[in-house]
Amino acid sequence: MKTKKLKKKNFTLFIISLIVISIGIFNGINLVNNKSNKESKQVINKTSSKKKKLEKLNNINKKISYFNEEYLDRYIAYKEKNKDLNDKQIIKNVNMNLDKKFYENPKEAINQNTELVLVNKYNYLKEDFIPENLQSINSNYALGNMKLVSYAKEAFEKLSHAAKQEKLNIIAMSTYRSYNYQVNLYNRYVENDGKEAADTYSGRPGHSEHQTGLAVDVYNIKETYTNFENTKEFTWMQEHAHEYGFILRFPKDKVNETGYQYESWHYRYVGKEIAKYIKDNKISFEEYCATVKK
């Protein structure tokens, strides 16, 4: 009798367990289905929202290779504030960070120790960054102990030598500058002219292109460097600098893109191919990085 009752009790417990497990499985399935449905709706809504945003930009993402989906909201916001600009210009400007204020949330520069590194008011180098393979320029082509990264140094010596063959002097007067050197230089400019003015012609520490070891300020010995534009050497540089991989870094008509006033004496090594592309298309290095560089 006890055995029968025990079996009956065990059977009842078994049935109850089955019922509990079944309910649990059912609820679990519902939970998974609800979650899945919710996620599906979110994906659909997100896709629909993205589609509407792209339509506001006339689906330009299908027309240009440098469209960055991560910047979609920034493109839209910038377009609303600049309705006079076409969609292509909107994309390019935002890619250059022109939708931000100078020095607003800057990022550490990428492509360090290559000719593609972009250092400006939106991209910086750390305090301890020192470019690899710095070498002194031959004293025939430099004022004192001027240093550039090896391949830029060799290119500049060839450039300067070629100019000398035409009885022209293109001499390096300022090249690599350390972070600490820039601290002292920038502070001196601020003290003399005020911060607002200093920012138009000098990079803040970490934001100076000279720290890359790829930038060079030149003069012709006879004239001050600020008058370089009015020399035969400047005319020669306009015609030949790209042949040696150098570009005029801060052109007269690109102040908005570069963030710096025109400097006829400041050149930057980017390599022959890029230098030729920039010259042929009459763009700044910022524009190149925003539309061409991968």
C-alpha atoms as a PDB file:
ATOM      1  CA  MET A   1       0.000   0.000   0.000  1.00  0.00           C
ATOM      2  CA  LYS A   2       2.797   2.392   0.939  1.00  0.00           C
ATOM      3  CA  THR A   3       4.597   1.465  -2.255  1.00  0.00           C
ATOM      4  CA  LYS A   4       1.528   2.362  -4.334  1.00  0.00           C
ATOM      5  CA  LYS A   5       1.140   5.708  -2.545  1.00  0.00           C
ATOM      6  CA  LEU A   6       4.835   6.430  -3.057  1.00  0.00           C
ATOM      7  CA  LYS A   7       4.601   5.625  -6.741  1.00  0.00           C
ATOM      8  CA  LYS A   8       1.513   7.797  -7.061  1.00  0.00           C
ATOM      9  CA  LYS A   9       3.267  10.654  -5.258  1.00  0.00           C
ATOM     10  CA  ASN A  10       6.329  10.335  -7.453  1.00  0.00           C
ATOM     11  CA  PHE A  11       4.137  10.289 -10.538  1.00  0.00           C
ATOM     12  CA  THR A  12       2.351  13.420  -9.381  1.00  0.00           C
ATOM     13  CA  LEU A  13       5.678  15.179  -8.769  1.00  0.00           C
ATOM     14  CA  PHE A  14       6.819  14.088 -12.201  1.00  0.00           C
ATOM     15  CA  ILE A  15       3.721  15.542 -13.832  1.00  0.00           C
ATOM     16  CA  ILE A  16       4.080  18.779 -11.884  1.00  0.00           C
ATOM     17  CA  SER A  17       7.726  19.001 -12.907  1.00  0.00           C
ATOM     18  CA  LEU A  18       6.781  18.494 -16.541  1.00  0.00           C
ATOM     19  CA  ILE A  19       4.165  21.224 -16.257  1.00  0.00           C
ATOM     20  CA  VAL A  20       6.665  23.639 -14.638  1.00  0.00           C
ATOM     21  CA  ILE A  21       9.306  22.868 -17.245  1.00  0.00           C
ATOM     22  CA  SER A  22       6.763  23.287 -20.046  1.00  0.00           C
ATOM     23  CA  ILE A  23       5.653  26.649 -18.662  1.00  0.00           C
ATOM     24  CA  GLY A  24       9.296  27.695 -18.346  1.00  0.00           C
ATOM     25  CA  ILE A  25      10.060  26.669 -21.900  1.00  0.00           C
ATOM     26  CA  PHE A  26       6.930  28.404 -23.159  1.00  0.00           C
ATOM     27  CA  ASN A  27       7.790  31.610 -21.313  1.00  0.00           C
ATOM     28  CA  GLY A  28      11.366  31.353 -22.499  1.00  0.00           C
ATOM     29  CA  ILE A  29      10.259  30.988 -26.084  1.00  0.00           C
ATOM     30  CA  ASN A  30       7.945  33.970 -25.696  1.00  0.00           C
ATOM     31  CA  LEU A  31      10.757  35.961 -24.133  1.00  0.00           C
ATOM     32  CA  VAL A  32      13.114  35.102 -26.977  1.00  0.00           C
ATOM     33  CA  ASN A  33      10.425  35.862 -29.543  1.00  0.00           C
ATOM     34  CA  ASN A  34       9.594  39.180 -27.887  1.00  0.00           C
ATOM     35  CA  LYS A  35      13.262  40.094 -27.750  1.00  0.00           C
ATOM     36  CA  SER A  36      13.740  39.038 -31.333  1.00  0.00           C
ATOM     37  CA  ASN A  37      10.693  41.022 -32.436  1.00  0.00           C
ATOM     38  CA  LYS A  38      11.911  44.043 -30.494  1.00  0.00           C
ATOM     39  CA  GLU A  39      15.363  43.817 -32.026  1.00  0.00           C
ATOM     40  CA  SER A  40      13.859  43.379 -35.481  1.00  0.00           C
ATOM     41  CA  LYS A  41      11.732  46.476 -35.002  1.00  0.00           C
ATOM     42  CA  GLN A  42      14.786  48.406 -33.833  1.00  0.00           C
ATOM     43  CA  VAL A  43      16.741  47.309 -36.906  1.00  0.00           C
ATOM     44  CA  ILE A  44      13.838  48.284 -39.165  1.00  0.00           C
ATOM     45  CA  ASN A  45      13.456  51.661 -37.457  1.00  0.00           C
ATOM     46  CA  LYS A  46      17.202  52.263 -37.598  1.00  0.00           C
ATOM     47  CA  THR A  47      17.320  51.338 -41.283  1.00  0.00           C
ATOM     48  CA  SER A  48      14.328  53.553 -42.000  1.00  0.00           C
ATOM     49  CA  SER A  49      15.920  56.468 -40.107  1.00  0.00           C
ATOM     50  CA  LYS A  50      19.225  56.018 -41.937  1.00  0.00           C
ATOM     51  CA  LYS A  51      17.417  55.917 -45.278  1.00  0.00           C
ATOM     52  CA  LYS A  52      15.625  59.190 -44.536  1.00  0.00           C
ATOM     53  CA  LYS A  53      18.915  60.845 -43.518  1.00  0.00           C
ATOM     54  CA  LEU A  54      20.632  59.691 -46.686  1.00  0.00           C
ATOM     55  CA  GLU A  55      17.736  61.067 -48.703  1.00  0.00           C
ATOM     56  CA  LYS A  56      18.361  64.459 -47.102  1.00  0.00           C
ATOM     57  CA  LEU A  57      21.846  64.233 -48.617  1.00  0.00           C
ATOM     58  CA  ASN A  58      20.387  63.107 -51.961  1.00  0.00           C
ATOM     59  CA  ASN A  59      21.994  59.672 -51.446  1.00  0.00           C
ATOM     60  CA  ILE A  60      25.409  61.131 -52.130  1.00  0.00           C
ATOM     61  CA  ASN A  61      26.916  58.151 -50.334  1.00  0.00           C
ATOM     62  CA  LYS A  62      26.463  56.245 -53.612  1.00  0.00           C
ATOM     63  CA  LYS A  63      28.289  58.902 -55.603  1.00  0.00           C
ATOM     64  CA  ILE A  64      31.496  59.605 -53.672  1.00  0.00           C
ATOM     65  CA  SER A  65      34.021  57.193 -52.217  1.00  0.00           C
ATOM     66  CA  TYR A  66      34.973  59.315 -49.209  1.00  0.00           C
ATOM     67  CA  PHE A  67      31.512  59.307 -47.616  1.00  0.00           C
ATOM     68  CA  ASN A  68      31.893  58.214 -43.980  1.00  0.00           C
ATOM     69  CA  GLU A  69      28.757  56.624 -42.542  1.00  0.00           C
ATOM     70  CA  GLU A  70      29.985  57.306 -39.004  1.00  0.00           C
ATOM     71  CA  TYR A  71      29.634  61.030 -39.726  1.00  0.00           C
ATOM     72  CA  LEU A  72      26.050  60.811 -41.021  1.00  0.00           C
ATOM     73  CA  ASP A  73      24.508  62.845 -38.184  1.00  0.00           C
ATOM     74  CA  ARG A  74      27.313  65.396 -38.448  1.00  0.00           C
ATOM     75  CA  TYR A  75      26.698  65.741 -42.190  1.00  0.00           C
ATOM     76  CA  ILE A  76      23.005  66.405 -41.585  1.00  0.00           C
ATOM     77  CA  ALA A  77      23.644  68.930 -38.803  1.00  0.00           C
ATOM     78  CA  TYR A  78      26.265  70.750 -40.881  1.00  0.00           C
ATOM     79  CA  LYS A  79      23.986  70.887 -43.907  1.00  0.00           C
ATOM     80  CA  GLU A  80      21.197  72.465 -41.858  1.00  0.00           C
ATOM     81  CA  LYS A  81      23.605  75.242 -40.840  1.00  0.00           C
ATOM     82  CA  ASN A  82      25.119  75.658 -44.322  1.00  0.00           C
ATOM     83  CA  LYS A  83      22.254  75.395 -46.784  1.00  0.00           C
ATOM     84  CA  ASP A  84      24.221  77.288 -49.430  1.00  0.00           C
ATOM     85  CA  LEU A  85      26.750  74.450 -49.775  1.00  0.00           C
ATOM     86  CA  ASN A  86      26.227  71.480 -52.076  1.00  0.00           C
ATOM     87  CA  ASP A  87      26.212  67.961 -50.666  1.00  0.00           C
ATOM     88  CA  LYS A  88      29.688  67.126 -51.945  1.00  0.00           C
ATOM     89  CA  GLN A  89      31.146  70.152 -50.192  1.00  0.00           C
ATOM     90  CA  ILE A  90      29.223  69.255 -47.027  1.00  0.00           C
ATOM     91  CA  ILE A  91      30.864  65.822 -46.929  1.00  0.00           C
ATOM     92  CA  LYS A  92      34.331  67.194 -47.632  1.00  0.00           C
ATOM     93  CA  ASN A  93      34.085  69.936 -45.012  1.00  0.00           C
ATOM     94  CA  VAL A  94      32.887  67.606 -42.284  1.00  0.00           C
ATOM     95  CA  ASN A  95      35.618  65.113 -43.178  1.00  0.00           C
ATOM     96  CA  MET A  96      38.048  67.982 -42.558  1.00  0.00           C
ATOM     97  CA  ASN A  97      36.319  68.624 -39.209  1.00  0.00           C
ATOM     98  CA  LEU A  98      35.200  72.082 -40.294  1.00  0.00           C
ATOM     99  CA  ASP A  99      31.942  71.491 -38.457  1.00  0.00           C
ATOM    100  CA  LYS A 100      33.956  71.800 -35.237  1.00  0.00           C
ATOM    101  CA  LYS A 101      35.765  74.690 -33.628  1.00  0.00           C
ATOM    102  CA  PHE A 102      39.557  74.704 -33.756  1.00  0.00           C
ATOM    103  CA  TYR A 103      41.080  72.486 -31.057  1.00  0.00           C
ATOM    104  CA  GLU A 104      37.635  71.101 -30.145  1.00  0.00           C
ATOM    105  CA  ASN A 105      38.115  67.502 -28.971  1.00  0.00           C
ATOM    106  CA  PRO A 106      41.266  66.916 -31.043  1.00  0.00           C
ATOM    107  CA  LYS A 107      42.413  63.376 -31.805  1.00  0.00           C
ATOM    108  CA  GLU A 108      45.866  61.885 -31.810  1.00  0.00           C
ATOM    109  CA  ALA A 109      47.227  61.942 -35.354  1.00  0.00           C
ATOM    110  CA  ILE A 110      47.234  58.667 -37.281  1.00  0.00           C
ATOM    111  CA  ASN A 111      49.853  57.501 -39.785  1.00  0.00           C
ATOM    112  CA  GLN A 112      52.648  58.741 -37.552  1.00  0.00           C
ATOM    113  CA  ASN A 113      56.160  58.348 -38.938  1.00  0.00           C
ATOM    114  CA  THR A 114      54.836  58.350 -42.511  1.00  0.00           C
ATOM    115  CA  GLU A 115      54.437  61.092 -45.097  1.00  0.00           C
ATOM    116  CA  LEU A 116      50.650  60.781 -44.672  1.00  0.00           C
ATOM    117  CA  VAL A 117      50.531  62.055 -41.093  1.00  0.00           C
ATOM    118  CA  LEU A 118      48.181  65.021 -40.724  1.00  0.00           C
ATOM    119  CA  VAL A 119      48.922  67.367 -37.839  1.00  0.00           C
ATOM    120  CA  ASN A 120      46.741  70.445 -37.515  1.00  0.00           C
ATOM    121  CA  LYS A 121      44.226  72.053 -35.156  1.00  0.00           C
ATOM    122  CA  TYR A 122      42.200  68.839 -34.979  1.00  0.00           C
ATOM    123  CA  ASN A 123      45.017  66.278 -34.848  1.00  0.00           C
ATOM    124  CA  TYR A 124      47.952  66.254 -32.462  1.00  0.00           C
ATOM    125  CA  LEU A 125      51.173  64.479 -31.566  1.00  0.00           C
ATOM    126  CA  LYS A 126      51.925  63.492 -27.992  1.00  0.00           C
ATOM    127  CA  GLU A 127      54.491  65.332 -25.929  1.00  0.00           C
ATOM    128  CA  ASP A 128      56.971  62.454 -26.135  1.00  0.00           C
ATOM    129  CA  PHE A 129      56.666  61.961 -29.909  1.00  0.00           C
ATOM    130  CA  ILE A 130      59.974  62.191 -31.736  1.00  0.00           C
ATOM    131  CA  PRO A 131      60.000  61.195 -35.415  1.00  0.00           C
ATOM    132  CA  GLU A 132      62.093  58.222 -36.445  1.00  0.00           C
ATOM    133  CA  ASN A 133      65.303  58.606 -38.461  1.00  0.00           C
ATOM    134  CA  LEU A 134      65.894  62.322 -37.986  1.00  0.00           C
ATOM    135  CA  GLN A 135      69.001  63.427 -39.881  1.00  0.00           C
ATOM    136  CA  SER A 136      70.846  66.713 -40.215  1.00  0.00           C
ATOM    137  CA  ILE A 137      70.590  68.517 -43.544  1.00  0.00           C
ATOM    138  CA  ASN A 138      73.869  69.193 -45.336  1.00  0.00           C
ATOM    139  CA  SER A 139      75.189  72.574 -44.177  1.00  0.00           C
ATOM    140  CA  ASN A 140      75.250  73.783 -47.808  1.00  0.00           C
ATOM    141  CA  TYR A 141      71.457  73.740 -47.754  1.00  0.00           C
ATOM    142  CA  ALA A 142      70.602  74.720 -44.184  1.00  0.00           C
ATOM    143  CA  LEU A 143      71.064  77.440 -41.620  1.00  0.00           C
ATOM    144  CA  GLY A 144      72.761  75.686 -38.719  1.00  0.00           C
ATOM    145  CA  ASN A 145      71.888  72.169 -37.577  1.00  0.00           C
ATOM    146  CA  MET A 146      68.512  71.628 -39.223  1.00  0.00           C
ATOM    147  CA  LYS A 147      66.966  68.130 -39.098  1.00  0.00           C
ATOM    148  CA  LEU A 148      64.322  66.313 -41.113  1.00  0.00           C
ATOM    149  CA  VAL A 149      63.211  62.691 -41.350  1.00  0.00           C
ATOM    150  CA  SER A 150      65.742  60.881 -43.564  1.00  0.00           C
ATOM    151  CA  TYR A 151      63.679  60.649 -46.779  1.00  0.00           C
ATOM    152  CA  ALA A 152      62.468  64.253 -46.469  1.00  0.00           C
ATOM    153  CA  LYS A 153      66.037  65.396 -45.736  1.00  0.00           C
ATOM    154  CA  GLU A 154      67.359  63.668 -48.860  1.00  0.00           C
ATOM    155  CA  ALA A 155      64.548  65.103 -50.979  1.00  0.00           C
ATOM    156  CA  PHE A 156      65.171  68.613 -49.673  1.00  0.00           C
ATOM    157  CA  GLU A 157      68.899  68.407 -50.382  1.00  0.00           C
ATOM    158  CA  LYS A 158      68.139  67.398 -53.973  1.00  0.00           C
ATOM    159  CA  LEU A 159      65.662  70.266 -54.256  1.00  0.00           C
ATOM    160  CA  SER A 160      68.084  72.825 -52.869  1.00  0.00           C
ATOM    161  CA  HIS A 161      70.922  71.491 -55.011  1.00  0.00           C
ATOM    162  CA  ALA A 162      68.795  71.734 -58.158  1.00  0.00           C
ATOM    163  CA  ALA A 163      67.962  75.354 -57.303  1.00  0.00           C
ATOM    164  CA  LYS A 164      71.652  76.145 -56.797  1.00  0.00           C
ATOM    165  CA  GLN A 165      72.328  74.936 -60.322  1.00  0.00           C
ATOM    166  CA  GLU A 166      70.157  77.859 -61.417  1.00  0.00           C
ATOM    167  CA  LYS A 167      71.975  80.218 -59.032  1.00  0.00           C
ATOM    168  CA  LEU A 168      69.094  80.256 -56.573  1.00  0.00           C
ATOM    169  CA  ASN A 169      69.276  79.780 -52.796  1.00  0.00           C
ATOM    170  CA  ILE A 170      66.594  77.758 -51.051  1.00  0.00           C
ATOM    171  CA  ILE A 171      67.878  77.313 -47.533  1.00  0.00           C
ATOM    172  CA  ALA A 172      66.238  75.490 -44.606  1.00  0.00           C
ATOM    173  CA  MET A 173      65.933  77.856 -41.666  1.00  0.00           C
ATOM    174  CA  SER A 174      63.475  75.945 -39.442  1.00  0.00           C
ATOM    175  CA  THR A 175      62.740  72.232 -39.597  1.00  0.00           C
ATOM    176  CA  TYR A 176      62.075  69.696 -36.832  1.00  0.00           C
ATOM    177  CA  ARG A 177      60.923  71.204 -33.547  1.00  0.00           C
ATOM    178  CA  SER A 178      60.358  69.237 -30.371  1.00  0.00           C
ATOM    179  CA  TYR A 179      57.182  69.572 -28.327  1.00  0.00           C
ATOM    180  CA  ASN A 180      59.019  71.535 -25.636  1.00  0.00           C
ATOM    181  CA  TYR A 181      60.569  73.861 -28.203  1.00  0.00           C
ATOM    182  CA  GLN A 182      57.073  74.607 -29.506  1.00  0.00           C
ATOM    183  CA  VAL A 183      55.854  75.320 -25.965  1.00  0.00           C
ATOM    184  CA  ASN A 184      58.380  78.123 -25.583  1.00  0.00           C
ATOM    185  CA  LEU A 185      57.875  79.452 -29.111  1.00  0.00           C
ATOM    186  CA  TYR A 186      54.067  79.498 -28.923  1.00  0.00           C
ATOM    187  CA  ASN A 187      54.072  81.111 -25.469  1.00  0.00           C
ATOM    188  CA  ARG A 188      56.361  83.825 -26.748  1.00  0.00           C
ATOM    189  CA  TYR A 189      54.036  84.551 -29.650  1.00  0.00           C
ATOM    190  CA  VAL A 190      51.046  84.675 -27.290  1.00  0.00           C
ATOM    191  CA  GLU A 191      52.899  87.073 -25.021  1.00  0.00           C
ATOM    192  CA  ASN A 192      53.738  89.346 -27.936  1.00  0.00           C
ATOM    193  CA  ASP A 193      50.537  89.226 -30.003  1.00  0.00           C
ATOM    194  CA  GLY A 194      47.858  87.582 -27.856  1.00  0.00           C
ATOM    195  CA  LYS A 195      46.450  84.066 -28.158  1.00  0.00           C
ATOM    196  CA  GLU A 196      43.894  84.788 -30.872  1.00  0.00           C
ATOM    197  CA  ALA A 197      46.510  86.267 -33.188  1.00  0.00           C
ATOM    198  CA  ALA A 198      49.132  83.644 -32.338  1.00  0.00           C
ATOM    199  CA  ASP A 199      46.729  80.865 -33.292  1.00  0.00           C
ATOM    200  CA  THR A 200      46.520  82.214 -36.842  1.00  0.00           C
ATOM    201  CA  TYR A 201      50.195  81.597 -37.545  1.00  0.00           C
ATOM    202  CA  SER A 202      51.567  79.239 -34.890  1.00  0.00           C
ATOM    203  CA  GLY A 203      50.539  75.744 -33.877  1.00  0.00           C
ATOM    204  CA  ARG A 204      49.873  75.047 -30.244  1.00  0.00           C
ATOM    205  CA  PRO A 205      52.238  72.513 -28.641  1.00  0.00           C
ATOM    206  CA  GLY A 206      51.525  69.082 -30.099  1.00  0.00           C
ATOM    207  CA  HIS A 207      49.709  70.642 -33.051  1.00  0.00           C
ATOM    208  CA  SER A 208      52.748  71.986 -34.877  1.00  0.00           C
ATOM    209  CA  GLU A 209      53.582  70.240 -38.130  1.00  0.00           C
ATOM    210  CA  HIS A 210      57.254  70.860 -37.439  1.00  0.00           C
ATOM    211  CA  GLN A 211      57.142  68.128 -34.793  1.00  0.00           C
ATOM    212  CA  THR A 212      56.623  65.555 -37.575  1.00  0.00           C
ATOM    213  CA  GLY A 213      60.100  66.209 -38.954  1.00  0.00           C
ATOM    214  CA  LEU A 214      58.549  66.681 -42.402  1.00  0.00           C
ATOM    215  CA  ALA A 215      58.060  70.471 -42.464  1.00  0.00           C
ATOM    216  CA  VAL A 216      60.616  73.059 -43.491  1.00  0.00           C
ATOM    217  CA  ASP A 217      60.618  76.852 -43.494  1.00  0.00           C
ATOM    218  CA  VAL A 218      62.908  78.320 -46.147  1.00  0.00           C
ATOM    219  CA  TYR A 219      64.495  81.607 -47.156  1.00  0.00           C
ATOM    220  CA  ASN A 220      66.931  82.758 -49.838  1.00  0.00           C
ATOM    221  CA  ILE A 221      69.631  84.356 -47.605  1.00  0.00           C
ATOM    222  CA  LYS A 222      69.131  87.819 -49.115  1.00  0.00           C
ATOM    223  CA  GLU A 223      65.553  88.465 -48.030  1.00  0.00           C
ATOM    224  CA  THR A 224      63.740  87.802 -44.755  1.00  0.00           C
ATOM    225  CA  TYR A 225      61.667  84.635 -44.872  1.00  0.00           C
ATOM    226  CA  THR A 226      58.411  86.622 -44.654  1.00  0.00           C
ATOM    227  CA  ASN A 227      59.284  88.179 -48.016  1.00  0.00           C
ATOM    228  CA  PHE A 228      59.954  84.835 -49.684  1.00  0.00           C
ATOM    229  CA  GLU A 229      56.904  85.243 -51.915  1.00  0.00           C
ATOM    230  CA  ASN A 230      58.615  88.103 -53.744  1.00  0.00           C
ATOM    231  CA  THR A 231      61.756  86.171 -54.668  1.00  0.00           C
ATOM    232  CA  LYS A 232      62.837  84.177 -57.712  1.00  0.00           C
ATOM    233  CA  GLU A 233      63.248  81.230 -55.387  1.00  0.00           C
ATOM    234  CA  PHE A 234      59.543  81.268 -54.571  1.00  0.00           C
ATOM    235  CA  THR A 235      58.662  81.221 -58.269  1.00  0.00           C
ATOM    236  CA  TRP A 236      61.008  78.262 -58.722  1.00  0.00           C
ATOM    237  CA  MET A 237      59.393  76.433 -55.799  1.00  0.00           C
ATOM    238  CA  GLN A 238      55.938  76.983 -57.266  1.00  0.00           C
ATOM    239  CA  GLU A 239      57.094  75.247 -60.441  1.00  0.00           C
ATOM    240  CA  HIS A 240      59.329  72.504 -59.049  1.00  0.00           C
ATOM    241  CA  ALA A 241      58.694  71.746 -55.339  1.00  0.00           C
ATOM    242  CA  HIS A 242      56.256  68.924 -56.156  1.00  0.00           C
ATOM    243  CA  GLU A 243      58.924  67.200 -58.256  1.00  0.00           C
ATOM    244  CA  TYR A 244      60.789  66.542 -55.001  1.00  0.00           C
ATOM    245  CA  GLY A 245      57.708  65.651 -52.950  1.00  0.00           C
ATOM    246  CA  PHE A 246      57.050  69.037 -51.297  1.00  0.00           C
ATOM    247  CA  ILE A 247      53.902  71.158 -51.180  1.00  0.00           C
ATOM    248  CA  LEU A 248      53.221  74.726 -50.127  1.00  0.00           C
ATOM    249  CA  ARG A 249      51.499  73.806 -46.889  1.00  0.00           C
ATOM    250  CA  PHE A 250      49.469  76.946 -46.168  1.00  0.00           C
ATOM    251  CA  PRO A 251      48.306  78.431 -49.490  1.00  0.00           C
ATOM    252  CA  LYS A 252      46.776  81.875 -49.768  1.00  0.00           C
ATOM    253  CA  ASP A 253      43.322  80.616 -50.762  1.00  0.00           C
ATOM    254  CA  LYS A 254      43.129  77.747 -48.249  1.00  0.00           C
ATOM    255  CA  VAL A 255      43.049  79.552 -44.908  1.00  0.00           C
ATOM    256  CA  ASN A 256      39.604  78.124 -44.116  1.00  0.00           C
ATOM    257  CA  GLU A 257      40.810  74.567 -44.673  1.00  0.00           C
ATOM    258  CA  THR A 258      44.226  74.774 -42.999  1.00  0.00           C
ATOM    259  CA  GLY A 259      43.328  77.129 -40.170  1.00  0.00           C
ATOM    260  CA  TYR A 260      46.499  79.143 -40.750  1.00  0.00           C
ATOM    261  CA  GLN A 261      47.302  82.333 -42.576  1.00  0.00           C
ATOM    262  CA  TYR A 262      49.211  82.184 -45.852  1.00  0.00           C
ATOM    263  CA  GLU A 263      52.890  81.283 -45.483  1.00  0.00           C
ATOM    264  CA  SER A 264      54.941  81.386 -48.670  1.00  0.00           C
ATOM    265  CA  TRP A 265      57.962  79.955 -46.855  1.00  0.00           C
ATOM    266  CA  HIS A 266      56.436  76.857 -45.200  1.00  0.00           C
ATOM    267  CA  TYR A 267      56.717  73.588 -47.119  1.00  0.00           C
ATOM    268  CA  ARG A 268      55.818  70.034 -46.235  1.00  0.00           C
ATOM    269  CA  TYR A 269      57.114  66.728 -47.569  1.00  0.00           C
ATOM    270  CA  VAL A 270      54.305  64.376 -48.666  1.00  0.00           C
ATOM    271  CA  GLY A 271      56.037  62.371 -51.411  1.00  0.00           C
ATOM    272  CA  LYS A 272      56.119  62.977 -55.160  1.00  0.00           C
ATOM    273  CA  GLU A 273      52.847  61.279 -56.070  1.00  0.00           C
ATOM    274  CA  ILE A 274      50.753  63.088 -53.464  1.00  0.00           C
ATOM    275  CA  ALA A 275      52.526  66.408 -54.071  1.00  0.00           C
ATOM    276  CA  LYS A 276      51.738  66.211 -57.791  1.00  0.00           C
ATOM    277  CA  TYR A 277      48.098  65.320 -57.091  1.00  0.00           C
ATOM    278  CA  ILE A 278      47.729  68.263 -54.693  1.00  0.00           C
ATOM    279  CA  LYS A 279      49.328  70.666 -57.166  1.00  0.00           C
ATOM    280  CA  ASP A 280      47.332  69.424 -60.165  1.00  0.00           C
ATOM    281  CA  ASN A 281      44.038  69.628 -58.279  1.00  0.00           C
ATOM    282  CA  LYS A 282      44.874  72.872 -56.461  1.00  0.00           C
ATOM    283  CA  ILE A 283      43.866  71.540 -53.056  1.00  0.00           C
ATOM    284  CA  SER A 284      45.262  71.631 -49.542  1.00  0.00           C
ATOM    285  CA  PHE A 285      46.700  68.670 -47.659  1.00  0.00           C
ATOM    286  CA  GLU A 286      43.556  68.717 -45.489  1.00  0.00           C
ATOM    287  CA  GLU A 287      41.396  68.301 -48.584  1.00  0.00           C
ATOM    288  CA  TYR A 288      43.578  65.486 -49.832  1.00  0.00           C
ATOM    289  CA  CYS A 289      43.250  63.622 -46.538  1.00  0.00           C
ATOM    290  CA  ALA A 290      39.492  64.214 -46.476  1.00  0.00           C
ATOM    291  CA  THR A 291      38.767  63.019 -49.996  1.00  0.00           C
ATOM    292  CA  VAL A 292      41.568  60.821 -51.291  1.00  0.00           C
ATOM    293  CA  LYS A 293      43.633  59.223 -48.529  1.00  0.00           C
ATOM    294  CA  LYS A 294      42.467  55.776 -47.478  1.00  0.00           C
END
